[in-house]
């Protein structure tokens, strides 16, 4: 069965997502909706322009840790994020966008930067909890100011998966729309992309 949206998802789509943004204007009476290549009606994009709690996910081919800095190497050009409330959202951002939103959030938290769970795979997989400060990017390398909070972290390893603690992120000043979202009855959650 291709149609996997839940009843709750259908109700949400019908009601518009008032918690995020106003519903776009309806098409004039009698107008035929534009169709997608798949033969489904085109649905308007929803813009989210308010703070929202997200979990950010970054992956890398390898890592190293010297006690003060965490270096991720072989970082792909995209990162992902998740939102659990007020509705489920799966989203994507570029690594450059990840760096911008992370550094802006760290500056806001000042002396209490967010934590993250770091999973290091390989011959001896391990998980640790780190506190992450500001990050710099050089191509496919990310370098975080970091401190180890829990676990035994190797000096190097990989591949790795980094998941940040749920944190409220705010629109960047002068950066336009925060999140650009879309909903499909053939998917289980709203799909968004970063707009900053």
Protein backbone atom coordinates (compact mmCIF):
# COMPACT_ATOMS: atom_id res chain seq x y z
CA UNK A 1 0.00 0.00 0.00
CA UNK A 2 1.62 3.23 -1.17
CA UNK A 3 -0.56 5.60 0.86
CA UNK A 4 1.03 5.44 4.34
CA UNK A 5 -0.06 8.72 5.92
CA UNK A 6 -1.86 8.31 9.24
CA UNK A 7 -5.29 9.76 9.93
CA UNK A 8 -3.60 12.33 12.15
CA UNK A 9 -1.38 13.36 9.27
CA UNK A 10 -4.36 13.81 6.98
CA UNK A 11 -6.17 15.94 9.55
CA UNK A 12 -3.00 18.02 10.00
CA UNK A 13 -2.69 18.55 6.27
CA UNK A 14 -6.32 19.57 5.98
CA UNK A 15 -6.10 22.05 8.81
CA UNK A 16 -2.95 23.75 7.54
CA UNK A 17 -0.28 23.90 10.36
CA UNK A 18 -1.50 26.93 12.23
CA UNK A 19 1.23 26.52 14.83
CA UNK A 20 3.84 27.32 12.18
CA UNK A 21 2.47 29.68 9.57
CA UNK A 22 -0.71 30.90 8.03
CA UNK A 23 -2.28 28.71 5.38
CA UNK A 24 -1.51 30.02 1.88
CA UNK A 25 -4.51 31.53 0.02
CA UNK A 26 -6.82 29.00 -1.63
CA UNK A 27 -6.98 28.82 -5.39
CA UNK A 28 -9.85 30.73 -6.99
CA UNK A 29 -13.12 28.78 -7.17
CA UNK A 30 -13.24 26.60 -10.25
CA UNK A 31 -9.48 26.77 -10.87
CA UNK A 32 -7.79 23.44 -11.54
CA UNK A 33 -4.78 22.75 -9.29
CA UNK A 34 -1.42 22.43 -10.99
CA UNK A 35 -0.17 18.86 -11.14
CA UNK A 36 3.22 17.34 -10.35
CA UNK A 37 5.16 15.01 -12.63
CA UNK A 38 3.78 12.14 -10.50
CA UNK A 39 0.23 13.20 -11.36
CA UNK A 40 -0.61 14.50 -7.87
CA UNK A 41 -1.85 18.02 -7.08
CA UNK A 42 0.87 20.51 -6.28
CA UNK A 43 0.76 21.64 -2.66
CA UNK A 44 2.07 25.02 -1.50
CA UNK A 45 5.27 25.26 0.50
CA UNK A 46 4.86 26.13 4.18
CA UNK A 47 7.37 28.55 5.70
CA UNK A 48 8.32 28.31 9.38
CA UNK A 49 9.67 31.58 10.72
CA UNK A 50 9.77 31.06 14.47
CA UNK A 51 12.14 29.31 16.93
CA UNK A 52 11.77 25.54 16.95
CA UNK A 53 13.38 22.68 18.87
CA UNK A 54 15.51 20.50 16.62
CA UNK A 55 17.98 17.65 16.84
CA UNK A 56 20.86 18.04 14.36
CA UNK A 57 22.65 15.03 12.88
CA UNK A 58 26.10 15.17 11.30
CA UNK A 59 28.13 12.26 9.95
CA UNK A 60 31.76 11.87 8.98
CA UNK A 61 34.19 9.29 7.67
CA UNK A 62 36.56 9.79 10.60
CA UNK A 63 37.30 11.68 13.81
CA UNK A 64 40.14 12.64 16.12
CA UNK A 65 40.10 14.08 19.64
CA UNK A 66 42.99 15.72 21.51
CA UNK A 67 41.21 16.56 24.74
CA UNK A 68 40.11 20.03 23.63
CA UNK A 69 39.09 19.77 19.98
CA UNK A 70 37.00 17.24 18.11
CA UNK A 71 37.85 17.02 14.42
CA UNK A 72 35.49 15.37 11.96
CA UNK A 73 36.94 14.48 8.57
CA UNK A 74 35.25 13.39 5.38
CA UNK A 75 32.08 15.27 6.26
CA UNK A 76 29.41 15.04 3.53
CA UNK A 77 27.94 18.22 2.00
CA UNK A 78 24.57 17.76 3.77
CA UNK A 79 23.42 17.31 7.37
CA UNK A 80 19.98 16.39 8.66
CA UNK A 81 17.68 17.51 11.44
CA UNK A 82 14.61 16.20 13.21
CA UNK A 83 11.66 17.84 14.95
CA UNK A 84 9.30 15.86 17.19
CA UNK A 85 6.88 18.58 18.28
CA UNK A 86 4.46 20.19 17.67
CA UNK A 87 4.62 17.80 14.69
CA UNK A 88 7.11 15.36 13.25
CA UNK A 89 9.52 16.83 10.72
CA UNK A 90 12.47 15.36 8.88
CA UNK A 91 14.78 17.91 7.30
CA UNK A 92 17.99 18.59 5.46
CA UNK A 93 20.55 21.39 5.48
CA UNK A 94 23.94 21.92 3.90
CA UNK A 95 27.03 21.54 6.06
CA UNK A 96 27.59 25.30 5.67
CA UNK A 97 24.10 25.91 7.06
CA UNK A 98 24.86 23.53 9.94
CA UNK A 99 27.96 25.57 10.83
CA UNK A 100 26.02 28.87 10.72
CA UNK A 101 23.12 27.75 12.91
CA UNK A 102 25.40 25.88 15.35
CA UNK A 103 27.74 28.81 15.93
CA UNK A 104 24.85 31.25 16.34
CA UNK A 105 23.29 28.92 18.93
CA UNK A 106 26.57 28.41 20.82
CA UNK A 107 27.00 32.19 21.08
CA UNK A 108 23.51 32.41 22.55
CA UNK A 109 24.22 29.71 25.16
CA UNK A 110 27.63 31.25 25.99
CA UNK A 111 29.04 29.22 28.92
CA UNK A 112 26.64 26.27 28.58
CA UNK A 113 26.94 24.92 25.01
CA UNK A 114 24.77 22.00 23.91
CA UNK A 115 25.77 18.36 24.38
CA UNK A 116 25.94 15.73 21.67
CA UNK A 117 26.10 11.95 21.44
CA UNK A 118 29.02 10.75 19.34
CA UNK A 119 28.97 7.18 18.03
CA UNK A 120 32.27 5.89 16.68
CA UNK A 121 32.03 2.77 14.56
CA UNK A 122 34.84 0.53 13.40
CA UNK A 123 36.65 -2.44 14.98
CA UNK A 124 35.65 -1.36 18.50
CA UNK A 125 32.42 0.69 18.33
CA UNK A 126 31.83 3.11 21.19
CA UNK A 127 29.50 5.90 22.23
CA UNK A 128 30.45 9.00 24.19
CA UNK A 129 28.79 12.25 25.24
CA UNK A 130 30.60 15.47 24.43
CA UNK A 131 29.97 19.16 25.01
CA UNK A 132 30.39 21.06 21.76
CA UNK A 133 31.48 24.67 21.43
CA UNK A 134 31.98 26.66 18.25
CA UNK A 135 32.88 24.92 15.00
CA UNK A 136 35.02 25.89 12.02
CA UNK A 137 34.80 24.39 8.56
CA UNK A 138 37.59 23.77 6.10
CA UNK A 139 36.22 21.90 3.10
CA UNK A 140 35.07 18.49 4.33
CA UNK A 141 36.59 18.95 7.81
CA UNK A 142 34.76 20.30 10.86
CA UNK A 143 36.70 21.27 13.99
CA UNK A 144 34.73 21.75 17.22
CA UNK A 145 35.88 23.10 20.53
CA UNK A 146 34.83 20.13 22.64
CA UNK A 147 34.99 18.51 26.03
CA UNK A 148 34.36 14.88 26.98
CA UNK A 149 31.48 14.46 29.44
CA UNK A 150 30.98 10.70 29.57
CA UNK A 151 32.56 7.57 28.12
CA UNK A 152 35.95 6.56 26.72
CA UNK A 153 36.77 8.32 23.47
CA UNK A 154 39.59 7.07 21.25
CA UNK A 155 42.15 9.50 19.87
CA UNK A 156 40.93 8.63 16.38
CA UNK A 157 38.39 6.40 14.65
CA UNK A 158 35.49 6.25 12.30
CA UNK A 159 33.08 6.35 10.66
CA UNK A 160 31.12 8.50 13.11
CA UNK A 161 27.62 9.80 13.74
CA UNK A 162 27.02 12.96 15.79
CA UNK A 163 23.55 13.67 17.25
CA UNK A 164 22.97 16.91 19.17
CA UNK A 165 20.69 17.23 22.17
CA UNK A 166 17.25 18.73 21.42
CA UNK A 167 17.85 22.48 21.34
CA UNK A 168 15.72 25.46 20.42
CA UNK A 169 17.17 27.09 17.31
CA UNK A 170 16.16 30.59 16.24
CA UNK A 171 15.95 32.17 12.79
CA UNK A 172 19.21 33.87 11.81
CA UNK A 173 18.91 37.64 11.58
CA UNK A 174 18.54 38.82 8.00
CA UNK A 175 18.67 35.27 6.62
CA UNK A 176 15.11 35.07 5.27
CA UNK A 177 12.83 32.08 5.77
CA UNK A 178 13.93 29.73 8.56
CA UNK A 179 12.48 26.43 7.31
CA UNK A 180 10.76 25.63 4.01
CA UNK A 181 8.44 22.66 4.34
CA UNK A 182 6.23 20.40 2.28
CA UNK A 183 3.75 17.64 3.09
CA UNK A 184 2.78 14.55 1.12
CA UNK A 185 0.09 11.96 1.89
CA UNK A 186 2.62 9.37 0.72
CA UNK A 187 5.05 10.13 3.55
CA UNK A 188 4.80 9.91 7.34
CA UNK A 189 6.02 13.39 8.31
CA UNK A 190 6.52 16.88 6.98
CA UNK A 191 9.69 17.27 4.90
CA UNK A 192 11.66 20.50 5.35
CA UNK A 193 14.88 22.12 4.26
CA UNK A 194 16.85 24.93 5.84
CA UNK A 195 16.16 28.36 4.40
CA UNK A 196 18.93 30.44 5.97
